[in-house]
Amino acid sequence: MRGDPRPPLRRTPPPITDLVLSQQGDRIVLEFGAPAVSIDAVPLREMTLDILTAGGDGDFRKVARKRSIRAKGGEHIQESEPLPPVGFPFRVAVLGGSGSPPGPVQPTKVLVPLKPPPAPQNLRAQPVADGIRLRWAGDVPEAPPPVLASPAVSAASPPTLVPGKPASPPGAGTAATGAGSSAAASASAVPVAPAAPALPAAPPAPPGFIVYRRAAPNGRALPLFALPQPDRSFVDTTASPGAEWCYLVRAVAGVDPVRGSASSNEVCLNLPSAEAQP
């Protein structure tokens, strides 16, 4: 017995929520995963992804530039854009499509570019008893300028709401007379709970260096630690023996998102297994 017909399953991709931005020298790098299935769990073999970018303010959908790329479902995507003007917010969003109605645009990711610091140089690697020791040359970059706080709200802002009393527009108190003045006086006598104190912002991470590692021959270079370190050496104690590992270093001025230099030279080392060692 046949049931009622059902609408076809949609091939609309789900929202892309894992977009990560970073500054690497004179490029802005975008990394994210292409959806593997649609919002109705239909496998997506191939799709079009629209990368939307805009600098400064304004309605993002109206001012953004769009370029399209092709991707396979589940593929890790890494794209880059030329460095926009230093100090101005750069906004990015990714819109997925697969020959059908496109998926929703996620809230934009924002990065404020810095003047690129010099890249580390002369990266070297050598095996040691507890792993692989890395050394390099380069200067610790300068800390980025602080973000200016928003101007304080003026006294002419919307009035404080008093329980049981309607809000009055700014300036109404000065024009009120007679019954209006006494109403304002009684309203001012109603106690209002003080505003909760603002929590101090976490201090920014100091500038330094971040080491990236990939498995040869075609692995992705991933950071070995999240926050920059000031030292020009590092011992990787997590490299598995019997495999070849490749490293590079970037000078990082700010994190969340990462903003730093281009990559150093890459160096690869085959860490011998314990059985292979004499």
C-alpha atoms as a PDB file:
ATOM      1  CA  MET A   1       0.000   0.000   0.000  1.00  0.00           C
ATOM      2  CA  ARG A   2       1.456   3.283  -1.086  1.00  0.00           C
ATOM      3  CA  GLY A   3       1.446   6.255   1.263  1.00  0.00           C
ATOM      4  CA  ASP A   4       0.980   9.906   0.532  1.00  0.00           C
ATOM      5  CA  PRO A   5       3.666  11.498  -1.631  1.00  0.00           C
ATOM      6  CA  ARG A   6       6.407  13.318   0.243  1.00  0.00           C
ATOM      7  CA  PRO A   7       8.348  16.352  -0.832  1.00  0.00           C
ATOM      8  CA  PRO A   8      11.845  15.652  -2.155  1.00  0.00           C
ATOM      9  CA  LEU A   9      14.699  15.810   0.315  1.00  0.00           C
ATOM     10  CA  ARG A  10      16.454  19.147   0.222  1.00  0.00           C
ATOM     11  CA  ARG A  11      20.090  19.459  -0.785  1.00  0.00           C
ATOM     12  CA  THR A  12      20.485  22.771   1.027  1.00  0.00           C
ATOM     13  CA  PRO A  13      23.747  22.676   3.019  1.00  0.00           C
ATOM     14  CA  PRO A  14      23.656  23.359   6.765  1.00  0.00           C
ATOM     15  CA  PRO A  15      25.234  26.528   8.166  1.00  0.00           C
ATOM     16  CA  ILE A  16      29.028  26.655   8.089  1.00  0.00           C
ATOM     17  CA  THR A  17      29.939  27.281  11.706  1.00  0.00           C
ATOM     18  CA  ASP A  18      33.640  26.382  11.900  1.00  0.00           C
ATOM     19  CA  LEU A  19      35.080  29.302   9.918  1.00  0.00           C
ATOM     20  CA  VAL A  20      38.452  30.422  11.343  1.00  0.00           C
ATOM     21  CA  LEU A  21      40.340  33.545  10.237  1.00  0.00           C
ATOM     22  CA  SER A  22      44.017  34.313  10.725  1.00  0.00           C
ATOM     23  CA  GLN A  23      46.533  36.797   9.392  1.00  0.00           C
ATOM     24  CA  GLN A  24      49.660  35.228   7.957  1.00  0.00           C
ATOM     25  CA  GLY A  25      51.932  38.020   6.804  1.00  0.00           C
ATOM     26  CA  ASP A  26      50.297  39.888   3.939  1.00  0.00           C
ATOM     27  CA  ARG A  27      47.408  37.405   3.574  1.00  0.00           C
ATOM     28  CA  ILE A  28      44.164  36.720   5.420  1.00  0.00           C
ATOM     29  CA  VAL A  29      43.677  32.929   5.611  1.00  0.00           C
ATOM     30  CA  LEU A  30      40.210  31.338   5.874  1.00  0.00           C
ATOM     31  CA  GLU A  31      39.801  27.734   7.053  1.00  0.00           C
ATOM     32  CA  PHE A  32      36.572  25.759   7.359  1.00  0.00           C
ATOM     33  CA  GLY A  33      34.989  22.417   6.521  1.00  0.00           C
ATOM     34  CA  ALA A  34      32.645  21.919   3.592  1.00  0.00           C
ATOM     35  CA  PRO A  35      29.376  20.269   4.761  1.00  0.00           C
ATOM     36  CA  ALA A  36      29.217  16.519   4.154  1.00  0.00           C
ATOM     37  CA  VAL A  37      25.389  16.246   4.230  1.00  0.00           C
ATOM     38  CA  SER A  38      22.474  18.595   3.619  1.00  0.00           C
ATOM     39  CA  ILE A  39      19.948  19.801   6.196  1.00  0.00           C
ATOM     40  CA  ASP A  40      17.879  16.728   5.251  1.00  0.00           C
ATOM     41  CA  ALA A  41      20.888  14.387   5.619  1.00  0.00           C
ATOM     42  CA  VAL A  42      21.398  14.012   1.868  1.00  0.00           C
ATOM     43  CA  PRO A  43      25.089  13.298   1.126  1.00  0.00           C
ATOM     44  CA  LEU A  44      26.733  16.217  -0.648  1.00  0.00           C
ATOM     45  CA  ARG A  45      29.331  15.043  -3.127  1.00  0.00           C
ATOM     46  CA  GLU A  46      30.223  18.450  -4.541  1.00  0.00           C
ATOM     47  CA  MET A  47      29.001  21.976  -4.004  1.00  0.00           C
ATOM     48  CA  THR A  48      29.607  25.641  -4.642  1.00  0.00           C
ATOM     49  CA  LEU A  49      30.774  27.782  -1.728  1.00  0.00           C
ATOM     50  CA  ASP A  50      30.438  31.554  -1.863  1.00  0.00           C
ATOM     51  CA  ILE A  51      33.011  33.524   0.141  1.00  0.00           C
ATOM     52  CA  LEU A  52      31.682  36.960   1.111  1.00  0.00           C
ATOM     53  CA  THR A  53      34.142  39.631   2.266  1.00  0.00           C
ATOM     54  CA  ALA A  54      33.754  43.279   3.229  1.00  0.00           C
ATOM     55  CA  GLY A  55      35.834  45.910   4.950  1.00  0.00           C
ATOM     56  CA  GLY A  56      34.587  48.599   7.315  1.00  0.00           C
ATOM     57  CA  ASP A  57      30.967  49.117   8.283  1.00  0.00           C
ATOM     58  CA  GLY A  58      27.666  48.991   6.421  1.00  0.00           C
ATOM     59  CA  ASP A  59      25.077  46.324   5.647  1.00  0.00           C
ATOM     60  CA  PHE A  60      27.209  43.240   5.034  1.00  0.00           C
ATOM     61  CA  ARG A  61      24.946  41.665   2.416  1.00  0.00           C
ATOM     62  CA  LYS A  62      24.902  44.909   0.424  1.00  0.00           C
ATOM     63  CA  VAL A  63      28.608  45.823   0.534  1.00  0.00           C
ATOM     64  CA  ALA A  64      30.234  42.358   0.540  1.00  0.00           C
ATOM     65  CA  ARG A  65      32.194  41.098  -2.435  1.00  0.00           C
ATOM     66  CA  LYS A  66      31.535  37.494  -3.489  1.00  0.00           C
ATOM     67  CA  ARG A  67      33.721  34.872  -5.054  1.00  0.00           C
ATOM     68  CA  SER A  68      32.791  31.235  -5.570  1.00  0.00           C
ATOM     69  CA  ILE A  69      34.795  28.022  -5.234  1.00  0.00           C
ATOM     70  CA  ARG A  70      33.998  24.347  -5.764  1.00  0.00           C
ATOM     71  CA  ALA A  71      34.442  21.850  -2.928  1.00  0.00           C
ATOM     72  CA  LYS A  72      33.753  18.218  -2.103  1.00  0.00           C
ATOM     73  CA  GLY A  73      31.541  17.278   0.814  1.00  0.00           C
ATOM     74  CA  GLY A  74      33.536  17.041   4.040  1.00  0.00           C
ATOM     75  CA  GLU A  75      36.642  18.605   2.501  1.00  0.00           C
ATOM     76  CA  HIS A  76      38.809  20.905   4.612  1.00  0.00           C
ATOM     77  CA  ILE A  77      39.057  24.232   2.818  1.00  0.00           C
ATOM     78  CA  GLN A  78      41.878  26.745   3.114  1.00  0.00           C
ATOM     79  CA  GLU A  79      41.582  29.952   1.104  1.00  0.00           C
ATOM     80  CA  SER A  80      43.299  33.303   1.370  1.00  0.00           C
ATOM     81  CA  GLU A  81      42.631  36.948   0.611  1.00  0.00           C
ATOM     82  CA  PRO A  82      45.085  39.848   0.150  1.00  0.00           C
ATOM     83  CA  LEU A  83      45.694  41.780   3.355  1.00  0.00           C
ATOM     84  CA  PRO A  84      43.136  44.613   3.600  1.00  0.00           C
ATOM     85  CA  PRO A  85      44.043  48.048   5.026  1.00  0.00           C
ATOM     86  CA  VAL A  86      45.760  47.746   8.396  1.00  0.00           C
ATOM     87  CA  GLY A  87      43.611  48.712  11.373  1.00  0.00           C
ATOM     88  CA  PHE A  88      40.227  48.445   9.643  1.00  0.00           C
ATOM     89  CA  PRO A  89      37.811  45.577  10.431  1.00  0.00           C
ATOM     90  CA  PHE A  90      37.639  42.895   7.738  1.00  0.00           C
ATOM     91  CA  ARG A  91      34.469  40.774   7.736  1.00  0.00           C
ATOM     92  CA  VAL A  92      34.033  37.324   6.204  1.00  0.00           C
ATOM     93  CA  ALA A  93      31.169  34.839   5.867  1.00  0.00           C
ATOM     94  CA  VAL A  94      30.751  31.648   3.833  1.00  0.00           C
ATOM     95  CA  LEU A  95      27.550  30.666   2.048  1.00  0.00           C
ATOM     96  CA  GLY A  96      27.125  27.075   0.867  1.00  0.00           C
ATOM     97  CA  GLY A  97      25.108  25.911  -2.101  1.00  0.00           C
ATOM     98  CA  SER A  98      24.711  22.685  -4.087  1.00  0.00           C
ATOM     99  CA  GLY A  99      22.662  23.517  -7.130  1.00  0.00           C
ATOM    100  CA  SER A 100      19.642  24.311  -4.964  1.00  0.00           C
ATOM    101  CA  PRO A 101      18.600  27.066  -2.541  1.00  0.00           C
ATOM    102  CA  PRO A 102      21.718  28.229  -0.708  1.00  0.00           C
ATOM    103  CA  GLY A 103      22.244  27.729   3.005  1.00  0.00           C
ATOM    104  CA  PRO A 104      21.934  30.582   5.487  1.00  0.00           C
ATOM    105  CA  VAL A 105      24.685  33.122   6.002  1.00  0.00           C
ATOM    106  CA  GLN A 106      26.278  32.811   9.416  1.00  0.00           C
ATOM    107  CA  PRO A 107      27.228  35.838  11.520  1.00  0.00           C
ATOM    108  CA  THR A 108      30.361  37.272  10.007  1.00  0.00           C
ATOM    109  CA  LYS A 109      33.810  36.629  11.421  1.00  0.00           C
ATOM    110  CA  VAL A 110      35.853  39.782  11.968  1.00  0.00           C
ATOM    111  CA  LEU A 111      39.618  40.360  11.910  1.00  0.00           C
ATOM    112  CA  VAL A 112      41.415  43.697  12.333  1.00  0.00           C
ATOM    113  CA  PRO A 113      44.694  43.367  10.355  1.00  0.00           C
ATOM    114  CA  LEU A 114      48.034  44.438  11.815  1.00  0.00           C
ATOM    115  CA  LYS A 115      51.221  45.518  10.110  1.00  0.00           C
ATOM    116  CA  PRO A 116      52.834  42.140   9.370  1.00  0.00           C
ATOM    117  CA  PRO A 117      55.815  41.401  11.640  1.00  0.00           C
ATOM    118  CA  PRO A 118      58.975  39.896  10.108  1.00  0.00           C
ATOM    119  CA  ALA A 119      58.857  36.127   9.689  1.00  0.00           C
ATOM    120  CA  PRO A 120      61.161  33.945  11.811  1.00  0.00           C
ATOM    121  CA  GLN A 121      64.261  32.679  10.024  1.00  0.00           C
ATOM    122  CA  ASN A 122      66.785  29.850  10.084  1.00  0.00           C
ATOM    123  CA  LEU A 123      64.517  27.247  11.670  1.00  0.00           C
ATOM    124  CA  ARG A 124      66.520  24.131  12.611  1.00  0.00           C
ATOM    125  CA  ALA A 125      65.518  20.765  14.058  1.00  0.00           C
ATOM    126  CA  GLN A 126      67.470  18.007  15.773  1.00  0.00           C
ATOM    127  CA  PRO A 127      66.511  14.823  17.629  1.00  0.00           C
ATOM    128  CA  VAL A 128      67.070  14.849  21.381  1.00  0.00           C
ATOM    129  CA  ALA A 129      66.424  12.338  24.152  1.00  0.00           C
ATOM    130  CA  ASP A 130      62.843  13.476  24.774  1.00  0.00           C
ATOM    131  CA  GLY A 131      61.739  14.450  21.261  1.00  0.00           C
ATOM    132  CA  ILE A 132      62.688  17.018  18.608  1.00  0.00           C
ATOM    133  CA  ARG A 133      64.344  20.300  19.498  1.00  0.00           C
ATOM    134  CA  LEU A 134      63.582  23.331  17.319  1.00  0.00           C
ATOM    135  CA  ARG A 135      65.560  26.570  17.227  1.00  0.00           C
ATOM    136  CA  TRP A 136      65.055  29.703  15.134  1.00  0.00           C
ATOM    137  CA  ALA A 137      65.990  33.371  14.833  1.00  0.00           C
ATOM    138  CA  GLY A 138      63.688  36.373  14.840  1.00  0.00           C
ATOM    139  CA  ASP A 139      62.302  39.252  16.857  1.00  0.00           C
ATOM    140  CA  VAL A 140      59.273  39.077  19.111  1.00  0.00           C
ATOM    141  CA  PRO A 141      56.645  41.302  17.425  1.00  0.00           C
ATOM    142  CA  GLU A 142      55.162  44.371  19.061  1.00  0.00           C
ATOM    143  CA  ALA A 143      51.864  44.050  20.881  1.00  0.00           C
ATOM    144  CA  PRO A 144      48.854  45.287  18.885  1.00  0.00           C
ATOM    145  CA  PRO A 145      47.362  48.650  19.884  1.00  0.00           C
ATOM    146  CA  PRO A 146      44.551  48.402  22.454  1.00  0.00           C
ATOM    147  CA  VAL A 147      40.972  48.438  21.255  1.00  0.00           C
ATOM    148  CA  LEU A 148      39.377  51.770  22.137  1.00  0.00           C
ATOM    149  CA  ALA A 149      36.391  51.523  24.430  1.00  0.00           C
ATOM    150  CA  SER A 150      33.048  52.866  23.255  1.00  0.00           C
ATOM    151  CA  PRO A 151      32.207  56.405  24.452  1.00  0.00           C
ATOM    152  CA  ALA A 152      30.322  56.562  27.746  1.00  0.00           C
ATOM    153  CA  VAL A 153      26.575  56.918  27.538  1.00  0.00           C
ATOM    154  CA  SER A 154      25.611  60.546  28.118  1.00  0.00           C
ATOM    155  CA  ALA A 155      23.121  61.778  30.681  1.00  0.00           C
ATOM    156  CA  ALA A 156      20.705  62.573  27.840  1.00  0.00           C
ATOM    157  CA  SER A 157      20.351  58.866  27.033  1.00  0.00           C
ATOM    158  CA  PRO A 158      17.022  57.072  27.587  1.00  0.00           C
ATOM    159  CA  PRO A 159      15.894  57.573  31.205  1.00  0.00           C
ATOM    160  CA  THR A 160      16.032  54.965  33.936  1.00  0.00           C
ATOM    161  CA  LEU A 161      12.853  52.923  34.084  1.00  0.00           C
ATOM    162  CA  VAL A 162      11.076  53.127  37.464  1.00  0.00           C
ATOM    163  CA  PRO A 163       8.772  50.264  38.444  1.00  0.00           C
ATOM    164  CA  GLY A 164       5.136  51.212  37.911  1.00  0.00           C
ATOM    165  CA  LYS A 165       5.959  54.430  36.024  1.00  0.00           C
ATOM    166  CA  PRO A 166       5.968  54.985  32.255  1.00  0.00           C
ATOM    167  CA  ALA A 167       9.222  56.093  30.692  1.00  0.00           C
ATOM    168  CA  SER A 168       9.489  59.751  29.690  1.00  0.00           C
ATOM    169  CA  PRO A 169      11.494  61.061  26.750  1.00  0.00           C
ATOM    170  CA  PRO A 170      14.773  62.884  27.455  1.00  0.00           C
ATOM    171  CA  GLY A 171      14.156  66.472  28.646  1.00  0.00           C
ATOM    172  CA  ALA A 172      10.586  65.844  29.761  1.00  0.00           C
ATOM    173  CA  GLY A 173      11.552  66.407  33.410  1.00  0.00           C
ATOM    174  CA  THR A 174      12.733  69.956  32.765  1.00  0.00           C
ATOM    175  CA  ALA A 175       9.511  70.913  30.966  1.00  0.00           C
ATOM    176  CA  ALA A 176       7.142  69.353  33.487  1.00  0.00           C
ATOM    177  CA  THR A 177       5.152  71.680  35.755  1.00  0.00           C
ATOM    178  CA  GLY A 178       2.438  71.285  38.397  1.00  0.00           C
ATOM    179  CA  ALA A 179       1.251  67.708  38.712  1.00  0.00           C
ATOM    180  CA  GLY A 180       3.941  66.599  36.284  1.00  0.00           C
ATOM    181  CA  SER A 181       6.691  68.006  38.521  1.00  0.00           C
ATOM    182  CA  SER A 182       5.325  66.306  41.646  1.00  0.00           C
ATOM    183  CA  ALA A 183       5.017  63.028  39.740  1.00  0.00           C
ATOM    184  CA  ALA A 184       8.651  63.330  38.696  1.00  0.00           C
ATOM    185  CA  ALA A 185       9.641  64.095  42.280  1.00  0.00           C
ATOM    186  CA  SER A 186       7.836  61.025  43.605  1.00  0.00           C
ATOM    187  CA  ALA A 187       9.352  58.887  40.865  1.00  0.00           C
ATOM    188  CA  SER A 188      12.849  60.059  41.791  1.00  0.00           C
ATOM    189  CA  ALA A 189      12.195  58.925  45.359  1.00  0.00           C
ATOM    190  CA  VAL A 190      11.637  55.302  44.259  1.00  0.00           C
ATOM    191  CA  PRO A 191      14.879  53.385  44.881  1.00  0.00           C
ATOM    192  CA  VAL A 192      16.463  51.838  41.796  1.00  0.00           C
ATOM    193  CA  ALA A 193      18.855  48.911  42.067  1.00  0.00           C
ATOM    194  CA  PRO A 194      22.415  49.909  41.122  1.00  0.00           C
ATOM    195  CA  ALA A 195      23.850  48.492  37.950  1.00  0.00           C
ATOM    196  CA  ALA A 196      26.055  45.431  38.302  1.00  0.00           C
ATOM    197  CA  PRO A 197      29.765  46.299  38.087  1.00  0.00           C
ATOM    198  CA  ALA A 198      31.412  45.476  34.780  1.00  0.00           C
ATOM    199  CA  LEU A 199      33.797  42.545  34.898  1.00  0.00           C
ATOM    200  CA  PRO A 200      37.363  43.392  33.855  1.00  0.00           C
ATOM    201  CA  ALA A 201      38.367  42.098  30.458  1.00  0.00           C
ATOM    202  CA  ALA A 202      40.942  39.322  30.325  1.00  0.00           C
ATOM    203  CA  PRO A 203      44.399  40.711  29.505  1.00  0.00           C
ATOM    204  CA  PRO A 204      45.510  39.967  25.940  1.00  0.00           C
ATOM    205  CA  ALA A 205      48.098  37.257  25.389  1.00  0.00           C
ATOM    206  CA  PRO A 206      51.617  38.700  25.012  1.00  0.00           C
ATOM    207  CA  PRO A 207      53.266  38.493  21.576  1.00  0.00           C
ATOM    208  CA  GLY A 208      55.654  35.689  20.762  1.00  0.00           C
ATOM    209  CA  PHE A 209      56.019  32.664  18.505  1.00  0.00           C
ATOM    210  CA  ILE A 210      53.798  29.688  17.662  1.00  0.00           C
ATOM    211  CA  VAL A 211      55.194  26.409  16.298  1.00  0.00           C
ATOM    212  CA  TYR A 212      53.198  24.464  13.697  1.00  0.00           C
ATOM    213  CA  ARG A 213      53.673  20.781  12.865  1.00  0.00           C
ATOM    214  CA  ARG A 214      52.445  18.519  10.107  1.00  0.00           C
ATOM    215  CA  ALA A 215      52.918  14.870   9.300  1.00  0.00           C
ATOM    216  CA  ALA A 216      54.863  14.355   6.075  1.00  0.00           C
ATOM    217  CA  PRO A 217      54.135  14.200   3.235  1.00  0.00           C
ATOM    218  CA  ASN A 218      50.662  15.793   3.023  1.00  0.00           C
ATOM    219  CA  GLY A 219      49.433  16.564   6.529  1.00  0.00           C
ATOM    220  CA  ARG A 220      47.968  19.894   7.659  1.00  0.00           C
ATOM    221  CA  ALA A 221      50.179  22.204   9.686  1.00  0.00           C
ATOM    222  CA  LEU A 222      48.525  22.573  13.116  1.00  0.00           C
ATOM    223  CA  PRO A 223      49.699  24.667  16.079  1.00  0.00           C
ATOM    224  CA  LEU A 224      51.414  22.809  18.910  1.00  0.00           C
ATOM    225  CA  PHE A 225      50.198  25.360  21.479  1.00  0.00           C
ATOM    226  CA  ALA A 226      47.520  28.044  21.515  1.00  0.00           C
ATOM    227  CA  LEU A 227      49.270  31.065  23.064  1.00  0.00           C
ATOM    228  CA  PRO A 228      52.493  32.613  21.766  1.00  0.00           C
ATOM    229  CA  GLN A 229      55.716  31.949  23.653  1.00  0.00           C
ATOM    230  CA  PRO A 230      58.654  34.391  23.808  1.00  0.00           C
ATOM    231  CA  ASP A 231      61.422  31.747  23.525  1.00  0.00           C
ATOM    232  CA  ARG A 232      63.212  31.029  20.257  1.00  0.00           C
ATOM    233  CA  SER A 233      63.409  27.313  20.940  1.00  0.00           C
ATOM    234  CA  PHE A 234      60.949  24.526  21.653  1.00  0.00           C
ATOM    235  CA  VAL A 235      61.124  20.774  22.322  1.00  0.00           C
ATOM    236  CA  ASP A 236      58.324  18.744  20.763  1.00  0.00           C
ATOM    237  CA  THR A 237      57.849  15.827  23.150  1.00  0.00           C
ATOM    238  CA  THR A 238      54.700  14.560  21.402  1.00  0.00           C
ATOM    239  CA  ALA A 239      56.244  13.613  18.036  1.00  0.00           C
ATOM    240  CA  SER A 240      55.803   9.871  17.485  1.00  0.00           C
ATOM    241  CA  PRO A 241      59.014   7.973  16.682  1.00  0.00           C
ATOM    242  CA  GLY A 242      59.262   6.230  13.338  1.00  0.00           C
ATOM    243  CA  ALA A 243      57.572   9.053  11.389  1.00  0.00           C
ATOM    244  CA  GLU A 244      58.668  12.157   9.527  1.00  0.00           C
ATOM    245  CA  TRP A 245      57.493  15.485  10.996  1.00  0.00           C
ATOM    246  CA  CYS A 246      57.666  18.915   9.393  1.00  0.00           C
ATOM    247  CA  TYR A 247      57.714  22.218  11.300  1.00  0.00           C
ATOM    248  CA  LEU A 248      57.371  25.931  10.692  1.00  0.00           C
ATOM    249  CA  VAL A 249      57.165  28.936  13.020  1.00  0.00           C
ATOM    250  CA  ARG A 250      55.232  32.210  12.866  1.00  0.00           C
ATOM    251  CA  ALA A 251      55.745  35.392  14.894  1.00  0.00           C
ATOM    252  CA  VAL A 252      52.361  36.227  16.425  1.00  0.00           C
ATOM    253  CA  ALA A 253      51.357  39.686  17.662  1.00  0.00           C
ATOM    254  CA  GLY A 254      47.787  38.878  18.681  1.00  0.00           C
ATOM    255  CA  VAL A 255      45.458  35.908  19.082  1.00  0.00           C
ATOM    256  CA  ASP A 256      41.713  35.322  18.877  1.00  0.00           C
ATOM    257  CA  PRO A 257      42.059  35.565  15.946  1.00  0.00           C
ATOM    258  CA  VAL A 258      45.738  34.857  15.289  1.00  0.00           C
ATOM    259  CA  ARG A 259      47.487  37.791  13.623  1.00  0.00           C
ATOM    260  CA  GLY A 260      51.114  37.358  12.749  1.00  0.00           C
ATOM    261  CA  SER A 261      53.887  36.934  10.238  1.00  0.00           C
ATOM    262  CA  ALA A 262      54.296  34.757   7.223  1.00  0.00           C
ATOM    263  CA  SER A 263      55.775  31.330   7.891  1.00  0.00           C
ATOM    264  CA  SER A 264      59.427  30.611   8.508  1.00  0.00           C
ATOM    265  CA  ASN A 265      61.282  28.094   6.383  1.00  0.00           C
ATOM    266  CA  GLU A 266      59.914  24.587   6.843  1.00  0.00           C
ATOM    267  CA  VAL A 267      62.169  21.886   8.277  1.00  0.00           C
ATOM    268  CA  CYS A 268      61.414  18.149   8.304  1.00  0.00           C
ATOM    269  CA  LEU A 269      62.964  15.427  10.451  1.00  0.00           C
ATOM    270  CA  ASN A 270      62.465  11.678  10.570  1.00  0.00           C
ATOM    271  CA  LEU A 271      62.451  10.751  14.237  1.00  0.00           C
ATOM    272  CA  PRO A 272      63.876   7.229  14.500  1.00  0.00           C
ATOM    273  CA  SER A 273      62.060   4.644  16.571  1.00  0.00           C
ATOM    274  CA  ALA A 274      63.651   3.200  19.675  1.00  0.00           C
ATOM    275  CA  GLU A 275      64.288  -0.085  17.861  1.00  0.00           C
ATOM    276  CA  ALA A 276      66.167   1.707  15.072  1.00  0.00           C
ATOM    277  CA  GLN A 277      68.455   3.604  17.414  1.00  0.00           C
ATOM    278  CA  PRO A 278      71.894   2.005  18.003  1.00  0.00           C
END
